N, C-alpha and C. Protein backbone atom coordinates (compact mmCIF):
# COMPACT_ATOMS: atom_id res chain seq x y z
N VAL A 1 0.82 -1.20 0.00
CA VAL A 1 0.00 0.00 0.00
C VAL A 1 0.87 1.26 0.00
N LEU A 2 1.98 1.24 0.72
CA LEU A 2 2.85 2.41 0.80
C LEU A 2 3.29 2.86 -0.58
N PHE A 3 3.61 1.92 -1.45
CA PHE A 3 4.12 2.29 -2.75
C PHE A 3 3.03 2.82 -3.66
N ARG A 4 1.79 2.60 -3.30
CA ARG A 4 0.69 3.21 -4.05
C ARG A 4 0.43 4.63 -3.58
N SER A 5 1.07 5.02 -2.51
CA SER A 5 0.95 6.39 -2.02
C SER A 5 1.38 7.38 -3.09
N ASP A 6 2.35 6.99 -3.93
CA ASP A 6 2.79 7.87 -5.02
C ASP A 6 1.64 8.13 -6.00
N GLU A 7 0.85 7.10 -6.25
CA GLU A 7 -0.31 7.25 -7.14
C GLU A 7 -1.39 8.10 -6.48
N ILE A 8 -1.58 7.90 -5.18
CA ILE A 8 -2.58 8.68 -4.44
C ILE A 8 -2.22 10.15 -4.48
N ALA A 9 -0.91 10.45 -4.46
CA ALA A 9 -0.45 11.85 -4.45
C ALA A 9 -0.95 12.63 -5.65
N LYS A 10 -1.22 11.94 -6.74
CA LYS A 10 -1.66 12.61 -7.97
C LYS A 10 -3.13 13.01 -7.92
N LEU A 11 -3.87 12.49 -6.96
CA LEU A 11 -5.30 12.77 -6.88
C LEU A 11 -5.56 14.05 -6.11
N PRO A 12 -6.45 14.91 -6.62
CA PRO A 12 -6.78 16.14 -5.90
C PRO A 12 -7.40 15.81 -4.54
N GLY A 13 -7.00 16.54 -3.50
CA GLY A 13 -7.58 16.35 -2.17
C GLY A 13 -7.15 15.07 -1.49
N SER A 14 -6.01 14.53 -1.88
CA SER A 14 -5.60 13.22 -1.37
C SER A 14 -4.72 13.26 -0.13
N ILE A 15 -4.44 14.43 0.39
CA ILE A 15 -3.51 14.51 1.52
C ILE A 15 -3.99 13.69 2.72
N PRO A 16 -5.25 13.75 3.14
CA PRO A 16 -5.66 12.92 4.28
C PRO A 16 -5.48 11.42 4.01
N ALA A 17 -5.75 10.98 2.80
CA ALA A 17 -5.57 9.57 2.45
C ALA A 17 -4.09 9.19 2.49
N ARG A 18 -3.24 10.04 1.94
CA ARG A 18 -1.80 9.77 1.99
C ARG A 18 -1.29 9.71 3.42
N GLN A 19 -1.76 10.64 4.24
CA GLN A 19 -1.31 10.65 5.64
C GLN A 19 -1.74 9.37 6.35
N LEU A 20 -2.94 8.89 6.08
CA LEU A 20 -3.42 7.64 6.68
C LEU A 20 -2.56 6.47 6.23
N VAL A 21 -2.24 6.40 4.95
CA VAL A 21 -1.39 5.32 4.43
C VAL A 21 -0.02 5.37 5.09
N VAL A 22 0.56 6.54 5.18
CA VAL A 22 1.89 6.69 5.78
C VAL A 22 1.86 6.34 7.26
N ASN A 23 0.88 6.83 8.00
CA ASN A 23 0.79 6.52 9.43
C ASN A 23 0.66 5.03 9.67
N THR A 24 -0.18 4.37 8.88
CA THR A 24 -0.37 2.93 9.01
C THR A 24 0.92 2.18 8.69
N ALA A 25 1.62 2.62 7.66
CA ALA A 25 2.87 1.98 7.27
C ALA A 25 3.93 2.14 8.36
N VAL A 26 4.01 3.32 8.97
CA VAL A 26 4.98 3.54 10.04
C VAL A 26 4.70 2.61 11.22
N GLU A 27 3.44 2.50 11.60
CA GLU A 27 3.08 1.61 12.71
C GLU A 27 3.49 0.17 12.39
N TYR A 28 3.21 -0.27 11.17
CA TYR A 28 3.55 -1.63 10.76
C TYR A 28 5.06 -1.85 10.77
N LEU A 29 5.80 -0.91 10.17
CA LEU A 29 7.25 -1.06 10.10
C LEU A 29 7.89 -1.01 11.48
N ASP A 30 7.38 -0.15 12.36
CA ASP A 30 7.93 -0.08 13.71
C ASP A 30 7.76 -1.43 14.42
N GLN A 31 6.61 -2.06 14.25
CA GLN A 31 6.39 -3.39 14.85
C GLN A 31 7.30 -4.43 14.20
N LEU A 32 7.38 -4.42 12.89
CA LEU A 32 8.19 -5.39 12.17
C LEU A 32 9.67 -5.25 12.51
N SER A 33 10.12 -4.02 12.68
CA SER A 33 11.55 -3.79 12.96
C SER A 33 11.95 -4.38 14.31
N LYS A 34 11.01 -4.52 15.23
CA LYS A 34 11.32 -5.11 16.54
C LYS A 34 11.69 -6.59 16.41
N SER A 35 11.22 -7.22 15.35
CA SER A 35 11.50 -8.65 15.18
C SER A 35 12.52 -8.92 14.08
N ALA A 36 13.16 -7.89 13.55
CA ALA A 36 14.11 -8.08 12.45
C ALA A 36 15.35 -8.82 12.89
N GLY A 37 15.78 -8.61 14.14
CA GLY A 37 16.93 -9.33 14.67
C GLY A 37 18.12 -9.36 13.73
N GLY A 38 18.64 -10.55 13.50
CA GLY A 38 19.82 -10.71 12.66
C GLY A 38 19.53 -10.91 11.19
N ASP A 39 18.29 -10.70 10.78
CA ASP A 39 17.92 -10.89 9.38
C ASP A 39 18.31 -9.66 8.57
N ALA A 40 19.48 -9.71 7.94
CA ALA A 40 20.01 -8.55 7.20
C ALA A 40 19.11 -8.16 6.04
N ASP A 41 18.54 -9.14 5.35
CA ASP A 41 17.66 -8.81 4.22
C ASP A 41 16.43 -8.04 4.69
N LEU A 42 15.85 -8.47 5.80
CA LEU A 42 14.68 -7.78 6.35
C LEU A 42 15.06 -6.38 6.81
N ARG A 43 16.21 -6.23 7.46
CA ARG A 43 16.64 -4.90 7.91
C ARG A 43 16.85 -3.97 6.72
N GLU A 44 17.39 -4.50 5.62
CA GLU A 44 17.57 -3.66 4.42
C GLU A 44 16.22 -3.26 3.83
N GLU A 45 15.28 -4.20 3.77
CA GLU A 45 13.93 -3.87 3.27
C GLU A 45 13.26 -2.83 4.17
N LEU A 46 13.41 -2.98 5.47
CA LEU A 46 12.85 -2.00 6.40
C LEU A 46 13.48 -0.62 6.19
N ALA A 47 14.79 -0.59 6.03
CA ALA A 47 15.48 0.69 5.81
C ALA A 47 14.95 1.37 4.56
N ASN A 48 14.82 0.61 3.49
CA ASN A 48 14.30 1.18 2.24
C ASN A 48 12.86 1.66 2.40
N ALA A 49 12.06 0.94 3.16
CA ALA A 49 10.67 1.35 3.39
C ALA A 49 10.62 2.64 4.21
N TYR A 50 11.47 2.76 5.22
CA TYR A 50 11.51 4.00 6.00
C TYR A 50 11.95 5.19 5.12
N VAL A 51 12.84 4.94 4.16
CA VAL A 51 13.23 6.00 3.23
C VAL A 51 12.02 6.44 2.42
N ARG A 52 11.24 5.48 1.91
CA ARG A 52 10.04 5.83 1.13
C ARG A 52 9.06 6.64 1.97
N ILE A 53 8.87 6.23 3.21
CA ILE A 53 7.96 6.95 4.09
C ILE A 53 8.47 8.37 4.34
N GLY A 54 9.75 8.48 4.67
CA GLY A 54 10.33 9.80 4.90
C GLY A 54 10.18 10.70 3.68
N SER A 55 10.38 10.13 2.51
CA SER A 55 10.23 10.92 1.28
C SER A 55 8.80 11.38 1.09
N ALA A 56 7.84 10.51 1.37
CA ALA A 56 6.42 10.90 1.26
C ALA A 56 6.07 11.99 2.27
N GLN A 57 6.75 11.97 3.41
CA GLN A 57 6.46 12.96 4.44
C GLN A 57 7.12 14.30 4.19
N GLY A 58 8.34 14.32 3.64
CA GLY A 58 8.99 15.61 3.58
C GLY A 58 10.18 15.77 2.66
N ASN A 59 10.39 14.89 1.70
CA ASN A 59 11.49 15.10 0.76
C ASN A 59 11.15 16.29 -0.12
N PRO A 60 11.93 17.38 -0.01
CA PRO A 60 11.59 18.59 -0.77
C PRO A 60 11.73 18.43 -2.29
N SER A 61 12.34 17.35 -2.75
CA SER A 61 12.51 17.12 -4.18
C SER A 61 11.34 16.36 -4.79
N GLU A 62 10.38 15.96 -3.96
CA GLU A 62 9.23 15.16 -4.42
C GLU A 62 7.95 15.74 -3.84
N PRO A 63 6.80 15.38 -4.43
CA PRO A 63 5.54 15.75 -3.76
C PRO A 63 5.54 15.12 -2.37
N ASN A 64 5.23 15.91 -1.35
CA ASN A 64 5.28 15.38 0.02
C ASN A 64 4.18 15.97 0.87
N LEU A 65 4.06 15.45 2.07
CA LEU A 65 3.00 15.86 2.98
C LEU A 65 3.35 17.10 3.81
N GLY A 66 4.53 17.66 3.60
CA GLY A 66 4.91 18.85 4.35
C GLY A 66 5.17 18.57 5.82
N ARG A 67 5.72 17.40 6.12
CA ARG A 67 6.01 17.00 7.49
C ARG A 67 7.49 16.65 7.63
N PRO A 68 8.36 17.67 7.52
CA PRO A 68 9.79 17.39 7.54
C PRO A 68 10.29 16.78 8.85
N LYS A 69 9.70 17.15 9.98
CA LYS A 69 10.13 16.58 11.26
C LYS A 69 9.88 15.07 11.28
N GLU A 70 8.71 14.65 10.83
CA GLU A 70 8.40 13.22 10.78
C GLU A 70 9.29 12.53 9.74
N ALA A 71 9.57 13.21 8.64
CA ALA A 71 10.47 12.64 7.63
C ALA A 71 11.85 12.38 8.24
N LEU A 72 12.35 13.35 8.99
CA LEU A 72 13.66 13.18 9.62
C LEU A 72 13.66 12.01 10.60
N GLU A 73 12.57 11.83 11.34
CA GLU A 73 12.49 10.71 12.28
C GLU A 73 12.58 9.38 11.53
N ASN A 74 11.88 9.27 10.42
CA ASN A 74 11.91 8.01 9.67
C ASN A 74 13.21 7.83 8.89
N TYR A 75 13.80 8.93 8.42
CA TYR A 75 15.12 8.84 7.81
C TYR A 75 16.14 8.37 8.85
N ALA A 76 16.02 8.83 10.09
CA ALA A 76 16.94 8.40 11.15
C ALA A 76 16.79 6.90 11.39
N LYS A 77 15.57 6.38 11.36
CA LYS A 77 15.36 4.94 11.52
C LYS A 77 16.03 4.19 10.37
N ALA A 78 15.85 4.69 9.16
CA ALA A 78 16.49 4.06 7.99
C ALA A 78 18.00 4.09 8.13
N ASP A 79 18.53 5.21 8.56
CA ASP A 79 19.98 5.36 8.67
C ASP A 79 20.54 4.39 9.69
N ARG A 80 19.86 4.22 10.83
CA ARG A 80 20.32 3.26 11.84
C ARG A 80 20.30 1.84 11.28
N LEU A 81 19.25 1.51 10.54
CA LEU A 81 19.18 0.17 9.95
C LEU A 81 20.28 -0.03 8.92
N PHE A 82 20.50 0.96 8.05
CA PHE A 82 21.58 0.86 7.07
C PHE A 82 22.94 0.70 7.78
N ALA A 83 23.15 1.46 8.85
CA ALA A 83 24.41 1.38 9.58
C ALA A 83 24.63 -0.01 10.15
N SER A 84 23.55 -0.67 10.55
CA SER A 84 23.66 -2.01 11.12
C SER A 84 24.03 -3.05 10.07
N LEU A 85 23.85 -2.70 8.79
CA LEU A 85 24.14 -3.63 7.70
C LEU A 85 25.60 -3.59 7.27
N GLY A 86 26.26 -2.45 7.45
CA GLY A 86 27.62 -2.31 6.95
C GLY A 86 27.62 -2.19 5.43
N ALA A 87 28.76 -2.44 4.84
CA ALA A 87 28.90 -2.32 3.39
C ALA A 87 28.13 -3.43 2.70
N GLY A 88 27.45 -3.09 1.63
CA GLY A 88 26.67 -4.07 0.86
C GLY A 88 27.17 -4.12 -0.57
N ASP A 89 26.33 -4.63 -1.45
CA ASP A 89 26.71 -4.68 -2.86
C ASP A 89 26.68 -3.27 -3.45
N ALA A 90 27.11 -3.15 -4.69
CA ALA A 90 27.23 -1.83 -5.33
C ALA A 90 25.89 -1.11 -5.41
N ALA A 91 24.82 -1.83 -5.73
CA ALA A 91 23.50 -1.19 -5.86
C ALA A 91 23.02 -0.68 -4.51
N THR A 92 23.22 -1.47 -3.46
CA THR A 92 22.81 -1.05 -2.12
C THR A 92 23.61 0.17 -1.69
N THR A 93 24.90 0.15 -1.95
CA THR A 93 25.76 1.27 -1.58
C THR A 93 25.34 2.54 -2.33
N ALA A 94 25.04 2.42 -3.62
CA ALA A 94 24.60 3.58 -4.39
C ALA A 94 23.30 4.14 -3.84
N ASN A 95 22.35 3.26 -3.49
CA ASN A 95 21.09 3.71 -2.91
C ASN A 95 21.33 4.40 -1.57
N LEU A 96 22.22 3.85 -0.77
CA LEU A 96 22.53 4.44 0.52
C LEU A 96 23.15 5.83 0.37
N VAL A 97 24.07 5.97 -0.56
CA VAL A 97 24.71 7.27 -0.78
C VAL A 97 23.67 8.31 -1.22
N ARG A 98 22.75 7.92 -2.12
CA ARG A 98 21.68 8.84 -2.55
C ARG A 98 20.78 9.21 -1.36
N PHE A 99 20.40 8.20 -0.58
CA PHE A 99 19.55 8.45 0.58
C PHE A 99 20.22 9.41 1.55
N ARG A 100 21.49 9.16 1.87
CA ARG A 100 22.17 10.00 2.85
C ARG A 100 22.32 11.43 2.35
N SER A 101 22.40 11.61 1.04
CA SER A 101 22.45 12.96 0.48
C SER A 101 21.12 13.68 0.74
N ILE A 102 20.02 12.99 0.48
CA ILE A 102 18.69 13.56 0.72
C ILE A 102 18.50 13.84 2.21
N TYR A 103 18.88 12.87 3.04
CA TYR A 103 18.74 13.01 4.49
C TYR A 103 19.54 14.21 4.99
N GLY A 104 20.78 14.33 4.54
CA GLY A 104 21.62 15.45 4.96
C GLY A 104 21.05 16.79 4.52
N LYS A 105 20.52 16.84 3.28
CA LYS A 105 19.94 18.09 2.79
C LYS A 105 18.71 18.48 3.60
N LEU A 106 17.87 17.51 3.95
CA LEU A 106 16.68 17.83 4.74
C LEU A 106 17.07 18.28 6.13
N LYS A 107 18.07 17.66 6.72
CA LYS A 107 18.56 18.11 8.03
C LYS A 107 19.03 19.56 7.93
N GLN A 108 19.74 19.86 6.85
CA GLN A 108 20.27 21.21 6.65
C GLN A 108 19.13 22.21 6.44
N LEU A 109 18.16 21.86 5.59
CA LEU A 109 17.04 22.76 5.31
C LEU A 109 16.20 23.07 6.55
N THR A 110 16.06 22.07 7.40
CA THR A 110 15.21 22.26 8.59
C THR A 110 16.00 22.78 9.78
N GLY A 111 17.32 22.86 9.64
CA GLY A 111 18.13 23.32 10.76
C GLY A 111 18.24 22.27 11.85
N ASP A 112 17.96 21.03 11.53
CA ASP A 112 18.01 19.93 12.50
C ASP A 112 19.46 19.65 12.88
N ARG A 113 19.77 19.88 14.14
CA ARG A 113 21.13 19.64 14.62
C ARG A 113 21.13 18.71 15.82
N ARG A 114 20.01 18.03 16.07
CA ARG A 114 19.90 17.16 17.25
C ARG A 114 21.01 16.12 17.32
N GLU A 115 21.32 15.51 16.22
CA GLU A 115 22.32 14.45 16.21
C GLU A 115 23.60 14.90 15.51
N GLY A 116 23.70 16.18 15.20
CA GLY A 116 24.87 16.67 14.50
C GLY A 116 24.87 16.22 13.05
N PRO A 117 26.01 16.40 12.37
CA PRO A 117 26.09 15.96 10.97
C PRO A 117 26.04 14.44 10.89
N LEU A 118 25.71 13.93 9.72
CA LEU A 118 25.65 12.49 9.54
C LEU A 118 27.05 11.90 9.63
N PRO A 119 27.23 10.92 10.51
CA PRO A 119 28.54 10.29 10.60
C PRO A 119 28.79 9.39 9.40
N ALA A 120 30.07 9.17 9.12
CA ALA A 120 30.41 8.24 8.03
C ALA A 120 30.00 6.83 8.45
N LEU A 121 29.60 6.04 7.47
CA LEU A 121 29.27 4.65 7.73
C LEU A 121 30.50 3.79 7.41
N PRO A 122 30.78 2.82 8.26
CA PRO A 122 31.96 1.97 8.02
C PRO A 122 31.90 1.30 6.63
N GLY A 123 32.98 1.39 5.90
CA GLY A 123 33.08 0.71 4.62
C GLY A 123 32.38 1.41 3.47
N ILE A 124 31.82 2.60 3.71
CA ILE A 124 31.10 3.31 2.66
C ILE A 124 31.60 4.74 2.59
N SER A 125 32.07 5.12 1.42
CA SER A 125 32.53 6.50 1.25
C SER A 125 31.56 7.24 0.35
N VAL A 126 31.45 8.53 0.57
CA VAL A 126 30.51 9.34 -0.19
C VAL A 126 30.83 9.32 -1.68
N GLY A 127 32.06 9.12 -2.05
CA GLY A 127 32.45 9.09 -3.45
C GLY A 127 32.00 7.85 -4.19
N GLU A 128 31.50 6.83 -3.48
CA GLU A 128 31.05 5.61 -4.14
C GLU A 128 29.68 5.83 -4.75
N SER A 129 29.44 5.15 -5.87
CA SER A 129 28.09 5.15 -6.45
C SER A 129 27.98 4.13 -7.54
């Protein structure tokens, strides 16, 4: 359902529906993440889902719900999950570098300094893609 949120965004007056989809997805992912344990594939899927949610909430480069604070919270969840995975294959690393660029820009735009700048992730350099 979360991935259909992009289609919902195109409908006039769809903000309440999008917010409901996003809120439901966050609740589901938060519960699922508690049981992810050592399953790296599940943690990667969760991280990518949190990125999608954060983008729907406040990525300034996409149609969004105008909720940058909530976007930052979900981007932080994604970032923690990605950090727990370490270095991955080239496609995963490229996605992570793109995500961290968006995350960093949103932190900068909102003046969010709670956790300081994004720390480097072990085995991943910004120059990779």
